[in-house]
C-alpha atoms as a PDB file:
ATOM      1  CA  MET A   1     -37.598   8.741   2.677  1.00  0.00           C
ATOM      2  CA  THR A   2     -36.267   5.426   4.021  1.00  0.00           C
ATOM      3  CA  ASP A   3     -32.837   5.007   4.941  1.00  0.00           C
ATOM      4  CA  ALA A   4     -32.651   1.270   3.954  1.00  0.00           C
ATOM      5  CA  PRO A   5     -32.810   0.362   0.158  1.00  0.00           C
ATOM      6  CA  THR A   6     -36.126  -1.568  -0.849  1.00  0.00           C
ATOM      7  CA  ALA A   7     -34.965  -5.204  -1.047  1.00  0.00           C
ATOM      8  CA  LEU A   8     -35.835  -6.760  -4.451  1.00  0.00           C
ATOM      9  CA  PRO A   9     -38.461  -9.604  -4.378  1.00  0.00           C
ATOM     10  CA  GLY A  10     -37.034 -13.474  -4.377  1.00  0.00           C
ATOM     11  CA  PRO A  11     -34.342 -14.969  -2.370  1.00  0.00           C
ATOM     12  CA  THR A  12     -30.929 -12.781  -1.540  1.00  0.00           C
ATOM     13  CA  GLY A  13     -27.826 -13.677  -2.731  1.00  0.00           C
ATOM     14  CA  LEU A  14     -26.703 -15.289   0.731  1.00  0.00           C
ATOM     15  CA  GLU A  15     -29.907 -17.411   0.767  1.00  0.00           C
ATOM     16  CA  ILE A  16     -28.513 -18.932  -2.160  1.00  0.00           C
ATOM     17  CA  ALA A  17     -24.999 -19.466  -1.166  1.00  0.00           C
ATOM     18  CA  THR A  18     -26.100 -20.894   1.836  1.00  0.00           C
ATOM     19  CA  GLN A  19     -28.195 -23.373  -0.116  1.00  0.00           C
ATOM     20  CA  TRP A  20     -25.536 -23.763  -2.601  1.00  0.00           C
ATOM     21  CA  ALA A  21     -22.941 -24.678   0.680  1.00  0.00           C
ATOM     22  CA  ALA A  22     -24.002 -28.608   1.008  1.00  0.00           C
ATOM     23  CA  LEU A  23     -22.662 -28.552  -3.069  1.00  0.00           C
ATOM     24  CA  PRO A  24     -19.153 -29.347  -4.277  1.00  0.00           C
ATOM     25  CA  PRO A  25     -16.844 -26.541  -4.721  1.00  0.00           C
ATOM     26  CA  GLU A  26     -17.362 -25.153  -8.468  1.00  0.00           C
ATOM     27  CA  HIS A  27     -20.886 -24.987  -7.427  1.00  0.00           C
ATOM     28  CA  LEU A  28     -20.256 -22.812  -4.101  1.00  0.00           C
ATOM     29  CA  LYS A  29     -17.397 -20.695  -6.226  1.00  0.00           C
ATOM     30  CA  ALA A  30     -20.125 -20.147  -8.672  1.00  0.00           C
ATOM     31  CA  ALA A  31     -22.655 -18.944  -5.618  1.00  0.00           C
ATOM     32  CA  LEU A  32     -20.215 -16.464  -4.658  1.00  0.00           C
ATOM     33  CA  GLN A  33     -19.853 -15.102  -8.052  1.00  0.00           C
ATOM     34  CA  ARG A  34     -23.445 -14.697  -8.084  1.00  0.00           C
ATOM     35  CA  LEU A  35     -23.404 -12.740  -4.655  1.00  0.00           C
ATOM     36  CA  GLU A  36     -20.482 -10.227  -5.181  1.00  0.00           C
ATOM     37  CA  PRO A  37     -22.982  -8.036  -7.792  1.00  0.00           C
ATOM     38  CA  GLU A  38     -25.533  -7.727  -4.734  1.00  0.00           C
ATOM     39  CA  LEU A  39     -22.868  -7.192  -2.355  1.00  0.00           C
ATOM     40  CA  LYS A  40     -21.541  -4.294  -4.537  1.00  0.00           C
ATOM     41  CA  ARG A  41     -25.647  -3.183  -5.087  1.00  0.00           C
ATOM     42  CA  ALA A  42     -25.629  -3.224  -1.101  1.00  0.00           C
ATOM     43  CA  HIS A  43     -22.698  -1.387  -0.084  1.00  0.00           C
ATOM     44  CA  GLU A  44     -23.144   1.205  -3.124  1.00  0.00           C
ATOM     45  CA  ALA A  45     -26.975   1.788  -1.516  1.00  0.00           C
ATOM     46  CA  ARG A  46     -25.558   1.987   2.082  1.00  0.00           C
ATOM     47  CA  MET A  47     -22.506   4.513   0.630  1.00  0.00           C
ATOM     48  CA  GLU A  48     -25.415   6.503  -0.877  1.00  0.00           C
ATOM     49  CA  THR A  49     -27.462   6.725   2.202  1.00  0.00           C
ATOM     50  CA  LEU A  50     -24.289   7.825   4.308  1.00  0.00           C
ATOM     51  CA  ARG A  51     -23.849  10.428   1.822  1.00  0.00           C
ATOM     52  CA  ILE A  52     -27.093  11.569   2.134  1.00  0.00           C
ATOM     53  CA  ALA A  53     -27.147  11.661   6.129  1.00  0.00           C
ATOM     54  CA  GLU A  54     -23.566  13.645   5.991  1.00  0.00           C
ATOM     55  CA  ALA A  55     -25.448  16.330   3.713  1.00  0.00           C
ATOM     56  CA  ALA A  56     -28.236  16.494   5.536  1.00  0.00           C
ATOM     57  CA  GLN A  57     -25.917  16.856   8.453  1.00  0.00           C
ATOM     58  CA  GLN A  58     -23.721  19.819   6.999  1.00  0.00           C
ATOM     59  CA  ARG A  59     -26.688  21.618   6.171  1.00  0.00           C
ATOM     60  CA  GLN A  60     -28.351  21.492   9.574  1.00  0.00           C
ATOM     61  CA  LEU A  61     -24.701  22.573  11.130  1.00  0.00           C
ATOM     62  CA  ALA A  62     -24.910  25.608   8.551  1.00  0.00           C
ATOM     63  CA  LEU A  63     -28.024  26.083   9.692  1.00  0.00           C
ATOM     64  CA  ASP A  64     -27.102  26.299  13.194  1.00  0.00           C
ATOM     65  CA  GLU A  65     -24.315  28.428  12.732  1.00  0.00           C
ATOM     66  CA  LYS A  66     -26.380  30.949  11.067  1.00  0.00           C
ATOM     67  CA  GLU A  67     -28.730  30.958  14.167  1.00  0.00           C
ATOM     68  CA  ALA A  68     -25.927  31.170  16.668  1.00  0.00           C
ATOM     69  CA  HIS A  69     -24.993  33.835  14.601  1.00  0.00           C
ATOM     70  CA  ARG A  70     -27.805  36.044  14.277  1.00  0.00           C
ATOM     71  CA  ASP A  71     -28.595  35.494  18.579  1.00  0.00           C
ATOM     72  CA  PHE A  72     -25.124  36.874  19.001  1.00  0.00           C
ATOM     73  CA  LEU A  73     -25.988  39.981  16.764  1.00  0.00           C
ATOM     74  CA  LEU A  74     -29.227  40.477  18.708  1.00  0.00           C
ATOM     75  CA  ARG A  75     -27.406  40.012  21.985  1.00  0.00           C
ATOM     76  CA  ALA A  76     -24.773  42.255  20.756  1.00  0.00           C
ATOM     77  CA  GLY A  77     -26.914  44.832  19.704  1.00  0.00           C
ATOM     78  CA  GLY A  78     -29.059  44.938  23.005  1.00  0.00           C
ATOM     79  CA  LEU A  79     -26.328  45.317  24.997  1.00  0.00           C
ATOM     80  CA  ALA A  80     -25.390  48.072  22.807  1.00  0.00           C
ATOM     81  CA  ALA A  81     -28.522  49.979  22.911  1.00  0.00           C
ATOM     82  CA  GLY A  82     -28.569  49.363  26.754  1.00  0.00           C
ATOM     83  CA  PHE A  83     -25.391  50.965  27.236  1.00  0.00           C
ATOM     84  CA  VAL A  84     -26.139  53.777  25.302  1.00  0.00           C
ATOM     85  CA  LEU A  85     -29.476  54.232  26.591  1.00  0.00           C
ATOM     86  CA  ALA A  86     -28.478  53.881  30.346  1.00  0.00           C
ATOM     87  CA  GLY A  87     -25.503  56.504  29.664  1.00  0.00           C
ATOM     88  CA  GLY A  88     -27.888  58.837  28.206  1.00  0.00           C
ATOM     89  CA  MET A  89     -30.603  58.947  31.344  1.00  0.00           C
ATOM     90  CA  LEU A  90     -27.292  58.791  33.710  1.00  0.00           C
ATOM     91  CA  GLY A  91     -26.487  61.879  32.240  1.00  0.00           C
ATOM     92  CA  ALA A  92     -29.709  63.288  32.084  1.00  0.00           C
ATOM     93  CA  ALA A  93     -30.149  62.281  35.765  1.00  0.00           C
ATOM     94  CA  VAL A  94     -26.926  64.253  36.465  1.00  0.00           C
ATOM     95  CA  THR A  95     -27.728  67.320  33.956  1.00  0.00           C
ATOM     96  CA  ALA A  96     -31.338  67.301  36.071  1.00  0.00           C
ATOM     97  CA  VAL A  97     -28.861  67.644  39.588  1.00  0.00           C
ATOM     98  CA  VAL A  98     -27.093  70.221  38.396  1.00  0.00           C
ATOM     99  CA  GLN A  99     -30.311  72.505  37.134  1.00  0.00           C
ATOM    100  CA  HIS A 100     -31.385  71.675  41.001  1.00  0.00           C
ATOM    101  CA  GLU A 101     -34.368  69.461  39.634  1.00  0.00           C
ATOM    102  CA  PRO A 102     -33.880  66.637  42.312  1.00  0.00           C
ATOM    103  CA  TRP A 103     -37.561  65.145  41.071  1.00  0.00           C
ATOM    104  CA  VAL A 104     -36.481  64.906  37.515  1.00  0.00           C
ATOM    105  CA  ALA A 105     -33.071  63.373  38.164  1.00  0.00           C
ATOM    106  CA  SER A 106     -34.508  60.674  40.807  1.00  0.00           C
ATOM    107  CA  ALA A 107     -37.324  60.017  37.538  1.00  0.00           C
ATOM    108  CA  TRP A 108     -33.841  59.158  35.313  1.00  0.00           C
ATOM    109  CA  GLY A 109     -31.525  57.732  37.707  1.00  0.00           C
ATOM    110  CA  SER A 110     -33.862  55.239  39.795  1.00  0.00           C
ATOM    111  CA  THR A 111     -35.098  51.535  39.513  1.00  0.00           C
ATOM    112  CA  GLY A 112     -37.280  52.657  36.576  1.00  0.00           C
ATOM    113  CA  MET A 113     -34.112  52.958  34.632  1.00  0.00           C
ATOM    114  CA  ILE A 114     -33.595  49.855  34.953  1.00  0.00           C
ATOM    115  CA  GLY A 115     -36.928  48.457  33.778  1.00  0.00           C
ATOM    116  CA  VAL A 116     -36.469  50.516  30.337  1.00  0.00           C
ATOM    117  CA  ILE A 117     -32.873  49.349  29.674  1.00  0.00           C
ATOM    118  CA  GLY A 118     -33.895  45.988  30.515  1.00  0.00           C
ATOM    119  CA  THR A 119     -35.842  45.708  27.474  1.00  0.00           C
ATOM    120  CA  PHE A 120     -32.760  45.706  25.693  1.00  0.00           C
ATOM    121  CA  ILE A 121     -30.796  43.452  27.306  1.00  0.00           C
ATOM    122  CA  PRO A 122     -31.874  39.921  26.179  1.00  0.00           C
ATOM    123  CA  ARG A 123     -31.183  38.136  30.103  1.00  0.00           C
ATOM    124  CA  PHE A 124     -33.513  41.086  31.381  1.00  0.00           C
ATOM    125  CA  ARG A 125     -36.345  40.301  28.881  1.00  0.00           C
ATOM    126  CA  VAL A 126     -39.712  38.810  30.458  1.00  0.00           C
ATOM    127  CA  ALA A 127     -40.999  35.666  29.341  1.00  0.00           C
ATOM    128  CA  PRO A 128     -44.212  36.679  26.797  1.00  0.00           C
ATOM    129  CA  ALA A 129     -47.689  35.410  27.747  1.00  0.00           C
ATOM    130  CA  GLY A 130     -47.434  32.302  25.622  1.00  0.00           C
ATOM    131  CA  GLY A 131     -44.886  30.874  28.015  1.00  0.00           C
ATOM    132  CA  ARG A 132     -42.250  30.417  26.011  1.00  0.00           C
ATOM    133  CA  PRO A 133     -38.993  32.175  26.901  1.00  0.00           C
ATOM    134  CA  ALA A 134     -37.989  35.288  24.955  1.00  0.00           C
ATOM    135  CA  VAL A 135     -35.122  35.300  22.371  1.00  0.00           C
ATOM    136  CA  GLY A 136     -31.562  34.667  24.576  1.00  0.00           C
ATOM    137  CA  GLU A 137     -33.501  33.617  27.977  1.00  0.00           C
ATOM    138  CA  ALA A 138     -32.196  30.124  29.488  1.00  0.00           C
ATOM    139  CA  THR A 139     -34.554  27.561  29.462  1.00  0.00           C
ATOM    140  CA  ALA A 140     -34.392  24.285  31.951  1.00  0.00           C
ATOM    141  CA  SER A 141     -33.367  22.309  29.353  1.00  0.00           C
ATOM    142  CA  ASP A 142     -30.392  23.780  28.425  1.00  0.00           C
ATOM    143  CA  SER A 143     -29.191  23.259  31.947  1.00  0.00           C
END
């Protein structure tokens, strides 16, 4: 789809008006009267192009807003799941300490816990093998 309307064959109204400018004022008035409908058509075509561009921009803004909302829900859900999982793992570690099981407590409450919880928190996600950043991960072009 082109942004500009297609040109009609033949001379434009402006070209006709410039040719008639050398003639008496009555002829110029006739040329300007012939130019007016063409200018109206060109204006209407520009307004239609502008309306179409604004509609496309509104659709793109709506899509961007929807994508941002989905991203927010993903991040909020991941944070909530990570928080619940961290609390459960720390609770299990405390229970294991009370039960005199230090090895189990260290397994539940050590750095392995960060690896498990990190899968739920968007900023801790590792980029997949394809090289594209994971969902929610900042890229070099974002800064």
